[in-house]
Amino acid sequence: MKLSESPAVKVGLSIAVATGLYGISFGALSVSAGLDLWQTMALSLLLFSGGSQFAFIGVLAGGGSGLSALSASALLGIRNGVYGMQLNLLLRPRGWRRLAAAQVTIDESVATATGQTDPAEQRRGFWAAGLGVFVLWNVFTVLGALLGAAIGDPAQWGLDGAAAAAFLGLLWPRIRAKEPATIAVLCAVVTVLAVPFVPPGVPILIAAVVAAALGLSGLGPVSEGLEPDVDPYPADAARSPGAEKLP
């Protein structure tokens, strides 16, 4: 089958465009949070995890330390390690492909791959989405950073709290079940209560501990309620032949 005829490749490239555009907002907000162009580019090239990147600059923008920002980012990045274990069994990459696959194992590439039943289509979907998002995310990060640098002082434009707002906008639409929504609300309350008593950046770490405790307590199934930034297979959309519904 030609790549241009692959349903998985078409899905992967379409969500790559939609997700990659988020890079503009990240680049602009990263610069406004105090990072320079090269630091911003390094985050997108090396960290390459939208939620973790927004958490990192959100803590910095709020006056938190680099350690607090790194801790918050790392906690959100744990899910990528879980994805990696699943994709390793599904795709079984070898050699240099194993390292490349680890770098582009994100929500969208995993969702595109697991939405297919044919092994060849799973591989095509994973690489199309993963590489597509990686390239476009980094291109638009540079563009956003340049635009952000041209704006100047973020406070005069009301952008001092924009990083946290962008992260919330990225997260909230992905919560589609009662249990994760309950955990999110409880963590938000804990964060607000902790703000007056602890240094900047620490409240989000406290909230993460609370979320982990609630998850371990069995409040909600881990596999339900969190969706990719862009859903490659909407429930009301026609599916390609041989594809099955995402779990």
C-alpha atoms as a PDB file:
ATOM      1  CA  MET A   1       0.000   0.000   0.000  1.00  0.00           C
ATOM      2  CA  LYS A   2       1.232   3.489  -0.841  1.00  0.00           C
ATOM      3  CA  LEU A   3       1.664   5.801   2.124  1.00  0.00           C
ATOM      4  CA  SER A   4      -0.692   8.308   0.498  1.00  0.00           C
ATOM      5  CA  GLU A   5      -3.411   5.644   0.540  1.00  0.00           C
ATOM      6  CA  SER A   6      -2.916   4.624   4.168  1.00  0.00           C
ATOM      7  CA  PRO A   7      -5.843   5.611   6.439  1.00  0.00           C
ATOM      8  CA  ALA A   8      -3.548   5.679   9.452  1.00  0.00           C
ATOM      9  CA  VAL A   9      -1.099   8.027   7.732  1.00  0.00           C
ATOM     10  CA  LYS A  10      -3.919  10.375   6.751  1.00  0.00           C
ATOM     11  CA  VAL A  11      -5.182  10.444  10.334  1.00  0.00           C
ATOM     12  CA  GLY A  12      -1.678  10.908  11.723  1.00  0.00           C
ATOM     13  CA  LEU A  13      -0.829  13.824   9.453  1.00  0.00           C
ATOM     14  CA  SER A  14      -4.164  15.546  10.069  1.00  0.00           C
ATOM     15  CA  ILE A  15      -3.727  15.535  13.832  1.00  0.00           C
ATOM     16  CA  ALA A  16      -0.076  16.534  13.385  1.00  0.00           C
ATOM     17  CA  VAL A  17      -1.225  19.787  11.798  1.00  0.00           C
ATOM     18  CA  ALA A  18      -3.846  20.436  14.474  1.00  0.00           C
ATOM     19  CA  THR A  19      -1.516  19.648  17.375  1.00  0.00           C
ATOM     20  CA  GLY A  20       1.559  21.282  15.880  1.00  0.00           C
ATOM     21  CA  LEU A  21      -0.202  24.633  15.795  1.00  0.00           C
ATOM     22  CA  TYR A  22      -0.235  24.622  19.606  1.00  0.00           C
ATOM     23  CA  GLY A  23       3.496  25.232  19.381  1.00  0.00           C
ATOM     24  CA  ILE A  24       2.852  28.883  18.557  1.00  0.00           C
ATOM     25  CA  SER A  25       1.247  29.500  21.943  1.00  0.00           C
ATOM     26  CA  PHE A  26       3.963  27.539  23.747  1.00  0.00           C
ATOM     27  CA  GLY A  27       6.759  29.488  22.070  1.00  0.00           C
ATOM     28  CA  ALA A  28       5.187  32.855  22.842  1.00  0.00           C
ATOM     29  CA  LEU A  29       4.362  31.972  26.449  1.00  0.00           C
ATOM     30  CA  SER A  30       7.775  30.440  27.077  1.00  0.00           C
ATOM     31  CA  VAL A  31       9.530  33.644  26.083  1.00  0.00           C
ATOM     32  CA  SER A  32       7.089  35.687  28.166  1.00  0.00           C
ATOM     33  CA  ALA A  33       7.870  33.411  31.146  1.00  0.00           C
ATOM     34  CA  GLY A  34      11.531  34.429  30.956  1.00  0.00           C
ATOM     35  CA  LEU A  35      13.143  31.806  28.721  1.00  0.00           C
ATOM     36  CA  ASP A  36      15.126  32.880  25.676  1.00  0.00           C
ATOM     37  CA  LEU A  37      14.716  31.538  22.146  1.00  0.00           C
ATOM     38  CA  TRP A  38      17.326  28.780  22.502  1.00  0.00           C
ATOM     39  CA  GLN A  39      15.946  27.553  25.826  1.00  0.00           C
ATOM     40  CA  THR A  40      12.459  27.485  24.362  1.00  0.00           C
ATOM     41  CA  MET A  41      13.631  25.527  21.343  1.00  0.00           C
ATOM     42  CA  ALA A  42      15.505  23.066  23.590  1.00  0.00           C
ATOM     43  CA  LEU A  43      12.320  22.336  25.539  1.00  0.00           C
ATOM     44  CA  SER A  44      10.399  21.478  22.393  1.00  0.00           C
ATOM     45  CA  LEU A  45      13.216  19.475  20.841  1.00  0.00           C
ATOM     46  CA  LEU A  46      14.236  17.489  23.919  1.00  0.00           C
ATOM     47  CA  LEU A  47      11.265  17.418  26.294  1.00  0.00           C
ATOM     48  CA  PHE A  48       8.639  17.336  23.527  1.00  0.00           C
ATOM     49  CA  SER A  49       5.538  16.797  25.642  1.00  0.00           C
ATOM     50  CA  GLY A  50       2.961  19.565  25.412  1.00  0.00           C
ATOM     51  CA  GLY A  51       1.453  19.199  28.882  1.00  0.00           C
ATOM     52  CA  SER A  52       4.858  18.915  30.562  1.00  0.00           C
ATOM     53  CA  GLN A  53       6.183  21.914  28.648  1.00  0.00           C
ATOM     54  CA  PHE A  54       3.245  24.120  29.601  1.00  0.00           C
ATOM     55  CA  ALA A  55       3.556  22.993  33.232  1.00  0.00           C
ATOM     56  CA  PHE A  56       7.263  23.886  33.209  1.00  0.00           C
ATOM     57  CA  ILE A  57       6.819  27.416  31.943  1.00  0.00           C
ATOM     58  CA  GLY A  58       3.663  27.876  34.026  1.00  0.00           C
ATOM     59  CA  VAL A  59       5.618  27.339  37.256  1.00  0.00           C
ATOM     60  CA  LEU A  60       8.386  29.654  36.070  1.00  0.00           C
ATOM     61  CA  ALA A  61       5.868  32.328  35.080  1.00  0.00           C
ATOM     62  CA  GLY A  62       4.341  32.117  38.552  1.00  0.00           C
ATOM     63  CA  GLY A  63       7.723  32.767  40.177  1.00  0.00           C
ATOM     64  CA  GLY A  64       8.581  29.172  41.015  1.00  0.00           C
ATOM     65  CA  SER A  65      12.088  27.773  41.077  1.00  0.00           C
ATOM     66  CA  GLY A  66      13.645  25.747  38.309  1.00  0.00           C
ATOM     67  CA  LEU A  67      13.505  22.651  40.526  1.00  0.00           C
ATOM     68  CA  SER A  68       9.768  23.089  41.107  1.00  0.00           C
ATOM     69  CA  ALA A  69       9.196  23.571  37.390  1.00  0.00           C
ATOM     70  CA  LEU A  70      11.241  20.477  36.578  1.00  0.00           C
ATOM     71  CA  SER A  71       9.388  18.393  39.174  1.00  0.00           C
ATOM     72  CA  ALA A  72       5.967  19.431  37.913  1.00  0.00           C
ATOM     73  CA  SER A  73       6.987  18.718  34.340  1.00  0.00           C
ATOM     74  CA  ALA A  74       8.416  15.306  35.236  1.00  0.00           C
ATOM     75  CA  LEU A  75       5.268  14.248  37.067  1.00  0.00           C
ATOM     76  CA  LEU A  76       3.161  14.954  34.005  1.00  0.00           C
ATOM     77  CA  GLY A  77       5.668  13.156  31.801  1.00  0.00           C
ATOM     78  CA  ILE A  78       5.297   9.851  33.632  1.00  0.00           C
ATOM     79  CA  ARG A  79       2.422   8.896  31.322  1.00  0.00           C
ATOM     80  CA  ASN A  80       4.824   8.865  28.366  1.00  0.00           C
ATOM     81  CA  GLY A  81       6.785   6.095  30.054  1.00  0.00           C
ATOM     82  CA  VAL A  82       3.592   4.064  30.398  1.00  0.00           C
ATOM     83  CA  TYR A  83       2.856   4.693  26.714  1.00  0.00           C
ATOM     84  CA  GLY A  84       6.362   3.484  25.894  1.00  0.00           C
ATOM     85  CA  MET A  85       5.772   0.112  27.519  1.00  0.00           C
ATOM     86  CA  GLN A  86       2.546  -0.310  25.563  1.00  0.00           C
ATOM     87  CA  LEU A  87       4.108   0.757  22.249  1.00  0.00           C
ATOM     88  CA  ASN A  88       7.150  -1.455  22.776  1.00  0.00           C
ATOM     89  CA  LEU A  89       4.879  -4.492  22.887  1.00  0.00           C
ATOM     90  CA  LEU A  90       2.747  -3.251  20.014  1.00  0.00           C
ATOM     91  CA  LEU A  91       5.384  -2.105  17.513  1.00  0.00           C
ATOM     92  CA  ARG A  92       8.563  -3.820  18.766  1.00  0.00           C
ATOM     93  CA  PRO A  93      11.017  -1.238  17.346  1.00  0.00           C
ATOM     94  CA  ARG A  94      14.661  -2.260  17.012  1.00  0.00           C
ATOM     95  CA  GLY A  95      18.000  -0.449  16.894  1.00  0.00           C
ATOM     96  CA  TRP A  96      17.917   3.290  16.243  1.00  0.00           C
ATOM     97  CA  ARG A  97      14.164   3.125  15.697  1.00  0.00           C
ATOM     98  CA  ARG A  98      13.761   2.291  19.361  1.00  0.00           C
ATOM     99  CA  LEU A  99      15.370   5.602  20.391  1.00  0.00           C
ATOM    100  CA  ALA A 100      13.426   7.552  17.771  1.00  0.00           C
ATOM    101  CA  ALA A 101      10.169   5.908  18.838  1.00  0.00           C
ATOM    102  CA  ALA A 102      10.821   6.857  22.467  1.00  0.00           C
ATOM    103  CA  GLN A 103      11.178  10.520  21.492  1.00  0.00           C
ATOM    104  CA  VAL A 104       7.896  10.660  19.551  1.00  0.00           C
ATOM    105  CA  THR A 105       5.800   8.558  21.946  1.00  0.00           C
ATOM    106  CA  ILE A 106       3.097  11.083  22.799  1.00  0.00           C
ATOM    107  CA  ASP A 107      -0.675  11.085  23.210  1.00  0.00           C
ATOM    108  CA  GLU A 108      -1.393  11.538  19.514  1.00  0.00           C
ATOM    109  CA  SER A 109       1.028   8.940  18.150  1.00  0.00           C
ATOM    110  CA  VAL A 110      -0.188   6.346  20.656  1.00  0.00           C
ATOM    111  CA  ALA A 111      -3.848   7.086  19.950  1.00  0.00           C
ATOM    112  CA  THR A 112      -3.319   6.864  16.194  1.00  0.00           C
ATOM    113  CA  ALA A 113      -1.434   3.576  16.455  1.00  0.00           C
ATOM    114  CA  THR A 114      -3.814   1.865  18.862  1.00  0.00           C
ATOM    115  CA  GLY A 115      -6.789   2.940  16.756  1.00  0.00           C
ATOM    116  CA  GLN A 116      -5.714   0.460  14.059  1.00  0.00           C
ATOM    117  CA  THR A 117      -5.939  -3.330  14.061  1.00  0.00           C
ATOM    118  CA  ASP A 118      -3.542  -4.066  11.192  1.00  0.00           C
ATOM    119  CA  PRO A 119       0.081  -4.184  12.465  1.00  0.00           C
ATOM    120  CA  ALA A 120       1.417  -2.374   9.399  1.00  0.00           C
ATOM    121  CA  GLU A 121      -1.154   0.396   9.807  1.00  0.00           C
ATOM    122  CA  GLN A 122      -0.306   0.676  13.483  1.00  0.00           C
ATOM    123  CA  ARG A 123       3.317   1.364  12.589  1.00  0.00           C
ATOM    124  CA  ARG A 124       2.408   3.816   9.833  1.00  0.00           C
ATOM    125  CA  GLY A 125       0.004   5.692  12.088  1.00  0.00           C
ATOM    126  CA  PHE A 126       2.473   5.915  14.944  1.00  0.00           C
ATOM    127  CA  TRP A 127       5.299   7.322  12.826  1.00  0.00           C
ATOM    128  CA  ALA A 128       3.079   9.640  10.793  1.00  0.00           C
ATOM    129  CA  ALA A 129       1.573  11.225  13.899  1.00  0.00           C
ATOM    130  CA  GLY A 130       4.737  11.185  16.002  1.00  0.00           C
ATOM    131  CA  LEU A 131       7.122  12.608  13.408  1.00  0.00           C
ATOM    132  CA  GLY A 132       4.490  14.964  12.010  1.00  0.00           C
ATOM    133  CA  VAL A 133       3.758  16.510  15.409  1.00  0.00           C
ATOM    134  CA  PHE A 134       7.472  16.674  16.266  1.00  0.00           C
ATOM    135  CA  VAL A 135       8.374  18.618  13.130  1.00  0.00           C
ATOM    136  CA  LEU A 136       5.409  21.012  13.195  1.00  0.00           C
ATOM    137  CA  TRP A 137       5.517  21.545  16.960  1.00  0.00           C
ATOM    138  CA  ASN A 138       9.137  22.657  16.761  1.00  0.00           C
ATOM    139  CA  VAL A 139       8.583  24.841  13.689  1.00  0.00           C
ATOM    140  CA  PHE A 140       5.680  26.652  15.327  1.00  0.00           C
ATOM    141  CA  THR A 141       7.543  26.886  18.643  1.00  0.00           C
ATOM    142  CA  VAL A 142      10.224  28.959  16.913  1.00  0.00           C
ATOM    143  CA  LEU A 143       7.579  31.119  15.264  1.00  0.00           C
ATOM    144  CA  GLY A 144       5.770  31.662  18.568  1.00  0.00           C
ATOM    145  CA  ALA A 145       8.996  32.466  20.392  1.00  0.00           C
ATOM    146  CA  LEU A 146       9.924  35.081  17.799  1.00  0.00           C
ATOM    147  CA  LEU A 147       6.469  36.629  18.059  1.00  0.00           C
ATOM    148  CA  GLY A 148       6.664  36.570  21.843  1.00  0.00           C
ATOM    149  CA  ALA A 149      10.048  38.271  21.835  1.00  0.00           C
ATOM    150  CA  ALA A 150       8.619  41.015  19.619  1.00  0.00           C
ATOM    151  CA  ILE A 151       5.791  41.687  22.085  1.00  0.00           C
ATOM    152  CA  GLY A 152       8.156  42.725  24.889  1.00  0.00           C
ATOM    153  CA  ASP A 153       7.066  42.866  28.546  1.00  0.00           C
ATOM    154  CA  PRO A 154       4.258  40.318  28.974  1.00  0.00           C
ATOM    155  CA  ALA A 155       2.708  42.151  31.927  1.00  0.00           C
ATOM    156  CA  GLN A 156       1.696  45.150  29.826  1.00  0.00           C
ATOM    157  CA  TRP A 157      -0.290  42.826  27.571  1.00  0.00           C
ATOM    158  CA  GLY A 158      -1.851  40.876  30.411  1.00  0.00           C
ATOM    159  CA  LEU A 159       0.133  37.757  29.572  1.00  0.00           C
ATOM    160  CA  ASP A 160       1.706  37.164  33.019  1.00  0.00           C
ATOM    161  CA  GLY A 161      -0.844  34.444  33.775  1.00  0.00           C
ATOM    162  CA  ALA A 162      -1.210  33.186  30.224  1.00  0.00           C
ATOM    163  CA  ALA A 163       0.990  30.097  30.664  1.00  0.00           C
ATOM    164  CA  ALA A 164      -1.224  28.688  33.403  1.00  0.00           C
ATOM    165  CA  ALA A 165      -4.337  29.561  31.398  1.00  0.00           C
ATOM    166  CA  ALA A 166      -2.950  27.848  28.298  1.00  0.00           C
ATOM    167  CA  PHE A 167      -2.150  24.709  30.285  1.00  0.00           C
ATOM    168  CA  LEU A 168      -5.664  24.643  31.715  1.00  0.00           C
ATOM    169  CA  GLY A 169      -7.116  25.112  28.228  1.00  0.00           C
ATOM    170  CA  LEU A 170      -4.994  22.205  27.000  1.00  0.00           C
ATOM    171  CA  LEU A 171      -5.980  19.901  29.872  1.00  0.00           C
ATOM    172  CA  TRP A 172      -9.649  20.521  30.541  1.00  0.00           C
ATOM    173  CA  PRO A 173     -11.132  19.395  27.178  1.00  0.00           C
ATOM    174  CA  ARG A 174      -9.324  16.064  27.598  1.00  0.00           C
ATOM    175  CA  ILE A 175     -11.196  15.191  30.816  1.00  0.00           C
ATOM    176  CA  ARG A 176     -14.286  13.358  29.612  1.00  0.00           C
ATOM    177  CA  ALA A 177     -15.326  11.194  32.550  1.00  0.00           C
ATOM    178  CA  LYS A 178     -16.706  11.902  36.024  1.00  0.00           C
ATOM    179  CA  GLU A 179     -13.841  10.454  38.060  1.00  0.00           C
ATOM    180  CA  PRO A 180     -10.958  12.376  36.408  1.00  0.00           C
ATOM    181  CA  ALA A 181     -13.047  15.565  36.561  1.00  0.00           C
ATOM    182  CA  THR A 182     -13.584  15.033  40.290  1.00  0.00           C
ATOM    183  CA  ILE A 183      -9.856  14.519  40.835  1.00  0.00           C
ATOM    184  CA  ALA A 184      -9.075  17.659  38.820  1.00  0.00           C
ATOM    185  CA  VAL A 185     -11.491  19.789  40.877  1.00  0.00           C
ATOM    186  CA  LEU A 186     -10.151  18.456  44.183  1.00  0.00           C
ATOM    187  CA  CYS A 187      -6.572  19.125  43.093  1.00  0.00           C
ATOM    188  CA  ALA A 188      -7.504  22.655  42.036  1.00  0.00           C
ATOM    189  CA  VAL A 189      -8.982  23.304  45.484  1.00  0.00           C
ATOM    190  CA  VAL A 190      -5.860  21.926  47.182  1.00  0.00           C
ATOM    191  CA  THR A 191      -3.665  24.116  44.993  1.00  0.00           C
ATOM    192  CA  VAL A 192      -5.603  27.289  45.829  1.00  0.00           C
ATOM    193  CA  LEU A 193      -5.513  26.512  49.557  1.00  0.00           C
ATOM    194  CA  ALA A 194      -1.759  25.835  49.482  1.00  0.00           C
ATOM    195  CA  VAL A 195      -0.748  28.982  47.563  1.00  0.00           C
ATOM    196  CA  PRO A 196      -0.566  31.360  50.598  1.00  0.00           C
ATOM    197  CA  PHE A 197       1.547  28.973  52.676  1.00  0.00           C
ATOM    198  CA  VAL A 198       4.218  27.514  50.389  1.00  0.00           C
ATOM    199  CA  PRO A 199       6.715  28.881  47.811  1.00  0.00           C
ATOM    200  CA  PRO A 200       5.662  29.301  44.155  1.00  0.00           C
ATOM    201  CA  GLY A 201       5.670  26.028  42.247  1.00  0.00           C
ATOM    202  CA  VAL A 202       5.145  23.850  45.318  1.00  0.00           C
ATOM    203  CA  PRO A 203       1.298  23.902  45.231  1.00  0.00           C
ATOM    204  CA  ILE A 204       1.264  22.036  41.919  1.00  0.00           C
ATOM    205  CA  LEU A 205       3.528  19.367  43.427  1.00  0.00           C
ATOM    206  CA  ILE A 206       1.177  18.998  46.406  1.00  0.00           C
ATOM    207  CA  ALA A 207      -1.745  18.684  44.003  1.00  0.00           C
ATOM    208  CA  ALA A 208       0.131  15.996  42.076  1.00  0.00           C
ATOM    209  CA  VAL A 209       0.620  13.981  45.274  1.00  0.00           C
ATOM    210  CA  VAL A 210      -3.090  14.327  46.042  1.00  0.00           C
ATOM    211  CA  ALA A 211      -3.985  13.187  42.514  1.00  0.00           C
ATOM    212  CA  ALA A 212      -1.710  10.160  42.829  1.00  0.00           C
ATOM    213  CA  ALA A 213      -3.218   9.257  46.198  1.00  0.00           C
ATOM    214  CA  LEU A 214      -6.747   9.544  44.838  1.00  0.00           C
ATOM    215  CA  GLY A 215      -5.829   7.445  41.814  1.00  0.00           C
ATOM    216  CA  LEU A 216      -4.311   4.719  43.999  1.00  0.00           C
ATOM    217  CA  SER A 217      -7.357   4.784  46.238  1.00  0.00           C
ATOM    218  CA  GLY A 218      -9.468   3.616  43.310  1.00  0.00           C
ATOM    219  CA  LEU A 219     -11.516   6.775  42.844  1.00  0.00           C
ATOM    220  CA  GLY A 220     -11.416   6.339  39.099  1.00  0.00           C
ATOM    221  CA  PRO A 221     -10.055   3.903  36.503  1.00  0.00           C
ATOM    222  CA  VAL A 222      -6.697   5.018  35.160  1.00  0.00           C
ATOM    223  CA  SER A 223      -7.638   4.134  31.582  1.00  0.00           C
ATOM    224  CA  GLU A 224     -10.743   6.285  31.374  1.00  0.00           C
ATOM    225  CA  GLY A 225     -11.366   9.980  31.010  1.00  0.00           C
ATOM    226  CA  LEU A 226      -8.103  11.335  29.588  1.00  0.00           C
ATOM    227  CA  GLU A 227      -7.982  11.845  25.849  1.00  0.00           C
ATOM    228  CA  PRO A 228      -5.329  13.067  23.374  1.00  0.00           C
ATOM    229  CA  ASP A 229      -5.037  16.794  22.704  1.00  0.00           C
ATOM    230  CA  VAL A 230      -6.688  16.115  19.347  1.00  0.00           C
ATOM    231  CA  ASP A 231      -8.895  13.008  19.128  1.00  0.00           C
ATOM    232  CA  PRO A 232      -7.980  11.197  15.905  1.00  0.00           C
ATOM    233  CA  TYR A 233     -11.145   9.106  15.964  1.00  0.00           C
ATOM    234  CA  PRO A 234     -14.202  11.131  17.051  1.00  0.00           C
ATOM    235  CA  ALA A 235     -17.075   8.937  18.142  1.00  0.00           C
ATOM    236  CA  ASP A 236     -19.371  10.177  15.395  1.00  0.00           C
ATOM    237  CA  ALA A 237     -16.796   9.961  12.591  1.00  0.00           C
ATOM    238  CA  ALA A 238     -16.574   7.160  10.059  1.00  0.00           C
ATOM    239  CA  ARG A 239     -13.771   4.742  10.815  1.00  0.00           C
ATOM    240  CA  SER A 240     -11.429   3.217   8.300  1.00  0.00           C
ATOM    241  CA  PRO A 241     -11.923  -0.452   7.374  1.00  0.00           C
ATOM    242  CA  GLY A 242     -10.340  -2.819   9.882  1.00  0.00           C
ATOM    243  CA  ALA A 243      -9.991  -0.163  12.581  1.00  0.00           C
ATOM    244  CA  GLU A 244     -11.418  -0.643  16.038  1.00  0.00           C
ATOM    245  CA  LYS A 245     -12.636   1.868  18.556  1.00  0.00           C
ATOM    246  CA  LEU A 246     -10.051   3.281  20.899  1.00  0.00           C
ATOM    247  CA  PRO A 247     -10.297   1.878  24.435  1.00  0.00           C
END
